[in-house]
C-alpha cells in the first residue's frame, strides 16, 4: 500500500521512465499590443512560446534578424527599443525549451511614426456660429488617427463663456 491508507504489507517496485522532449518549440510574436503603428521607439513585446514537454526556458531577440542578443529568462511580456527614425521596424525572436532545442525564428513589424497629425479642416470654422439645436461639428486630420487614442475625451465642445457643452461624438476612419 503505497499511500498508507491500509495496513496491507507487500513488496512493490516503482518504475520510472524518462522521456526526452524531442519536439521543436514554437513561438509567436506581437508588437505594440497589436497596433499597426506607434509614436514611441520603446514598444511592448508579447512573445508566446510553447513546448510539448519541457516548457520554454529562454528567449532571445534580434534587431536585424541575424545577430541575436544573449539568451535571457523567458517571459511572455517584454519591451524592445528600436532606433529612432520613422518607418517600418521589425523585431526577430526565438525561444529555447528546457532541453535546449530552439524554435524557428519569428518576426513582427510595426510602423514608427513620430510626426503628429495636423488639423486639415474644422467645420464649422473657428469663431463661426453654429446654428440649430443639434449642430454637427467635423474635424479632419492629415493622417489616420489611432482609434484607441480617441477615447471618451476625444472631442469636447466649449461655449463662448468657457463651459463645456454636452454632446456625442463618433470616430470615422
Protein backbone atom coordinates (compact mmCIF):
# COMPACT_ATOMS: atom_id res chain seq x y z
CA UNK A 1 0.00 0.00 0.00
CA UNK A 2 2.00 2.92 -1.31
CA UNK A 3 -0.12 5.71 0.11
CA UNK A 4 -0.51 4.31 3.64
CA UNK A 5 -4.31 4.05 3.51
CA UNK A 6 -4.33 0.43 4.75
CA UNK A 7 -2.09 -1.83 6.76
CA UNK A 8 -1.56 -4.28 3.87
CA UNK A 9 2.10 -5.22 3.52
CA UNK A 10 3.94 -6.38 0.43
CA UNK A 11 6.79 -5.79 -1.97
CA UNK A 12 6.42 -3.08 -4.55
CA UNK A 13 8.56 -1.92 -7.43
CA UNK A 14 8.42 1.66 -8.69
CA UNK A 15 9.44 2.03 -12.33
CA UNK A 16 10.35 5.45 -13.68
CA UNK A 17 10.77 6.13 -17.37
CA UNK A 18 12.46 9.26 -18.69
CA UNK A 19 11.11 10.56 -21.99
CA UNK A 20 13.25 13.05 -23.89
CA UNK A 21 11.40 16.04 -25.27
CA UNK A 22 12.34 15.77 -28.93
CA UNK A 23 9.76 18.25 -30.14
CA UNK A 24 10.71 21.63 -31.56
CA UNK A 25 9.26 24.52 -29.58
CA UNK A 26 7.13 27.12 -31.33
CA UNK A 27 6.95 30.88 -30.92
CA UNK A 28 4.77 33.79 -31.99
CA UNK A 29 5.47 37.49 -31.61
CA UNK A 30 3.23 40.56 -31.23
CA UNK A 31 4.45 44.17 -31.09
CA UNK A 32 2.75 47.27 -29.69
CA UNK A 33 -0.27 45.36 -28.34
CA UNK A 34 -1.26 44.56 -31.92
CA UNK A 35 -1.37 48.14 -33.18
CA UNK A 36 -0.14 48.82 -36.69
CA UNK A 37 1.86 51.89 -35.66
CA UNK A 38 3.40 53.64 -32.67
CA UNK A 39 4.90 57.02 -31.91
CA UNK A 40 7.44 55.63 -29.43
CA UNK A 41 10.70 53.80 -30.09
CA UNK A 42 10.03 51.70 -26.95
CA UNK A 43 7.44 49.06 -27.86
CA UNK A 44 5.66 46.42 -25.76
CA UNK A 45 6.51 42.89 -26.90
CA UNK A 46 4.44 39.73 -26.38
CA UNK A 47 6.39 36.54 -27.11
CA UNK A 48 4.34 33.36 -26.79
CA UNK A 49 6.38 30.16 -26.69
CA UNK A 50 5.18 26.57 -26.44
CA UNK A 51 6.96 23.24 -25.98
CA UNK A 52 5.38 19.78 -25.73
CA UNK A 53 7.05 18.52 -22.55
CA UNK A 54 9.88 20.61 -21.18
CA UNK A 55 8.39 24.11 -21.31
CA UNK A 56 10.03 27.30 -22.54
CA UNK A 57 13.10 28.38 -20.57
CA UNK A 58 14.86 31.09 -22.57
CA UNK A 59 14.28 33.75 -25.23
CA UNK A 60 16.48 35.90 -27.47
CA UNK A 61 15.81 38.94 -29.64
CA UNK A 62 17.40 40.50 -32.71
CA UNK A 63 17.00 43.92 -34.27
CA UNK A 64 18.44 42.82 -37.62
CA UNK A 65 17.36 39.17 -37.95
CA UNK A 66 20.97 37.98 -37.94
CA UNK A 67 22.67 38.86 -34.65
CA UNK A 68 20.71 37.83 -31.58
CA UNK A 69 21.24 39.21 -28.10
CA UNK A 70 22.08 36.89 -25.22
CA UNK A 71 19.62 34.26 -24.08
CA UNK A 72 17.53 35.54 -21.18
CA UNK A 73 14.92 34.01 -18.89
CA UNK A 74 11.65 33.53 -20.76
CA UNK A 75 8.82 35.95 -20.08
CA UNK A 76 5.67 36.50 -22.11
CA UNK A 77 5.87 40.29 -21.74
CA UNK A 78 8.90 42.37 -22.57
CA UNK A 79 9.88 45.69 -24.15
CA UNK A 80 12.08 46.43 -27.15
CA UNK A 81 13.59 49.81 -28.08
CA UNK A 82 14.05 50.44 -31.78
CA UNK A 83 16.50 53.00 -33.16
CA UNK A 84 14.97 56.39 -33.96
CA UNK A 85 13.76 57.20 -37.46
CA UNK A 86 10.25 56.80 -38.79
CA UNK A 87 9.31 53.79 -40.89
CA UNK A 88 8.69 50.06 -40.59
CA UNK A 89 10.57 48.48 -37.68
CA UNK A 90 10.98 44.70 -37.38
CA UNK A 91 11.91 42.55 -34.40
CA UNK A 92 13.01 38.91 -34.61
CA UNK A 93 12.81 36.43 -31.74
CA UNK A 94 13.35 32.78 -30.87
CA UNK A 95 12.78 30.63 -27.80
CA UNK A 96 14.61 27.64 -26.30
CA UNK A 97 12.90 24.87 -24.37
CA UNK A 98 14.08 23.16 -21.19
CA UNK A 99 16.27 20.66 -23.07
CA UNK A 100 17.95 23.29 -25.24
CA UNK A 101 16.04 22.92 -28.51
CA UNK A 102 15.49 26.24 -30.32
CA UNK A 103 12.36 27.33 -32.14
CA UNK A 104 12.33 28.71 -35.64
CA UNK A 105 12.95 32.46 -35.77
CA UNK A 106 9.75 34.53 -35.81
CA UNK A 107 9.32 38.21 -36.59
CA UNK A 108 6.82 41.03 -36.28
CA UNK A 109 6.77 44.58 -37.61
CA UNK A 110 5.33 47.90 -36.55
CA UNK A 111 5.43 51.34 -38.14
CA UNK A 112 7.25 54.01 -36.13
CA UNK A 113 5.55 57.35 -36.84
CA UNK A 114 6.71 60.23 -34.65
CA UNK A 115 5.23 63.03 -36.77
CA UNK A 116 1.97 64.13 -35.12
CA UNK A 117 -1.10 64.63 -37.30
CA UNK A 118 -2.20 68.15 -38.13
CA UNK A 119 -5.71 69.55 -38.49
CA UNK A 120 -6.67 69.93 -42.13
CA UNK A 121 -10.24 71.13 -41.66
CA UNK A 122 -12.71 72.10 -38.96
CA UNK A 123 -16.41 72.55 -39.72
CA UNK A 124 -17.81 74.97 -38.77
CA UNK A 125 -14.70 77.12 -38.94
CA UNK A 126 -13.22 78.53 -35.71
CA UNK A 127 -15.18 81.50 -34.29
CA UNK A 128 -18.16 80.73 -36.53
CA UNK A 129 -21.63 80.50 -35.03
CA UNK A 130 -23.13 77.01 -35.03
CA UNK A 131 -26.87 77.09 -35.62
CA UNK A 132 -29.65 74.65 -34.89
CA UNK A 133 -30.48 72.57 -31.85
CA UNK A 134 -28.05 69.80 -32.69
CA UNK A 135 -25.26 71.19 -34.85
CA UNK A 136 -22.70 68.81 -36.32
CA UNK A 137 -19.01 69.54 -35.97
CA UNK A 138 -16.38 67.83 -38.09
CA UNK A 139 -12.63 67.65 -37.58
CA UNK A 140 -10.31 66.16 -40.22
CA UNK A 141 -6.65 65.28 -39.68
CA UNK A 142 -3.75 64.94 -42.09
CA UNK A 143 -3.46 61.20 -41.48
CA UNK A 144 -5.49 58.41 -39.85
CA UNK A 145 -5.81 58.66 -36.09
CA UNK A 146 -5.28 55.72 -33.75
CA UNK A 147 -8.86 54.88 -32.73
CA UNK A 148 -7.62 53.72 -29.31
CA UNK A 149 -6.44 57.26 -28.54
CA UNK A 150 -9.82 58.76 -29.42
CA UNK A 151 -11.39 57.84 -26.08
CA UNK A 152 -14.28 59.45 -24.17
CA UNK A 153 -12.44 62.78 -24.23
CA UNK A 154 -11.66 62.62 -27.94
CA UNK A 155 -13.61 65.75 -28.76
CA UNK A 156 -15.05 68.35 -26.43
CA UNK A 157 -17.39 71.24 -27.18
CA UNK A 158 -16.96 74.53 -25.38
CA UNK A 159 -19.31 77.50 -25.23
CA UNK A 160 -18.06 81.07 -25.70
CA UNK A 161 -18.10 81.50 -21.91
CA UNK A 162 -15.75 78.54 -21.43
CA UNK A 163 -18.25 76.00 -20.10
CA UNK A 164 -18.26 72.53 -21.68
CA UNK A 165 -21.18 71.74 -23.98
CA UNK A 166 -22.52 68.19 -23.67
CA UNK A 167 -22.87 66.09 -26.79
CA UNK A 168 -21.91 62.88 -28.50
CA UNK A 169 -19.19 62.09 -31.00
CA UNK A 170 -18.20 59.33 -33.35
CA UNK A 171 -14.95 58.28 -34.97
CA UNK A 172 -14.90 57.75 -38.73
CA UNK A 173 -11.76 56.06 -40.04
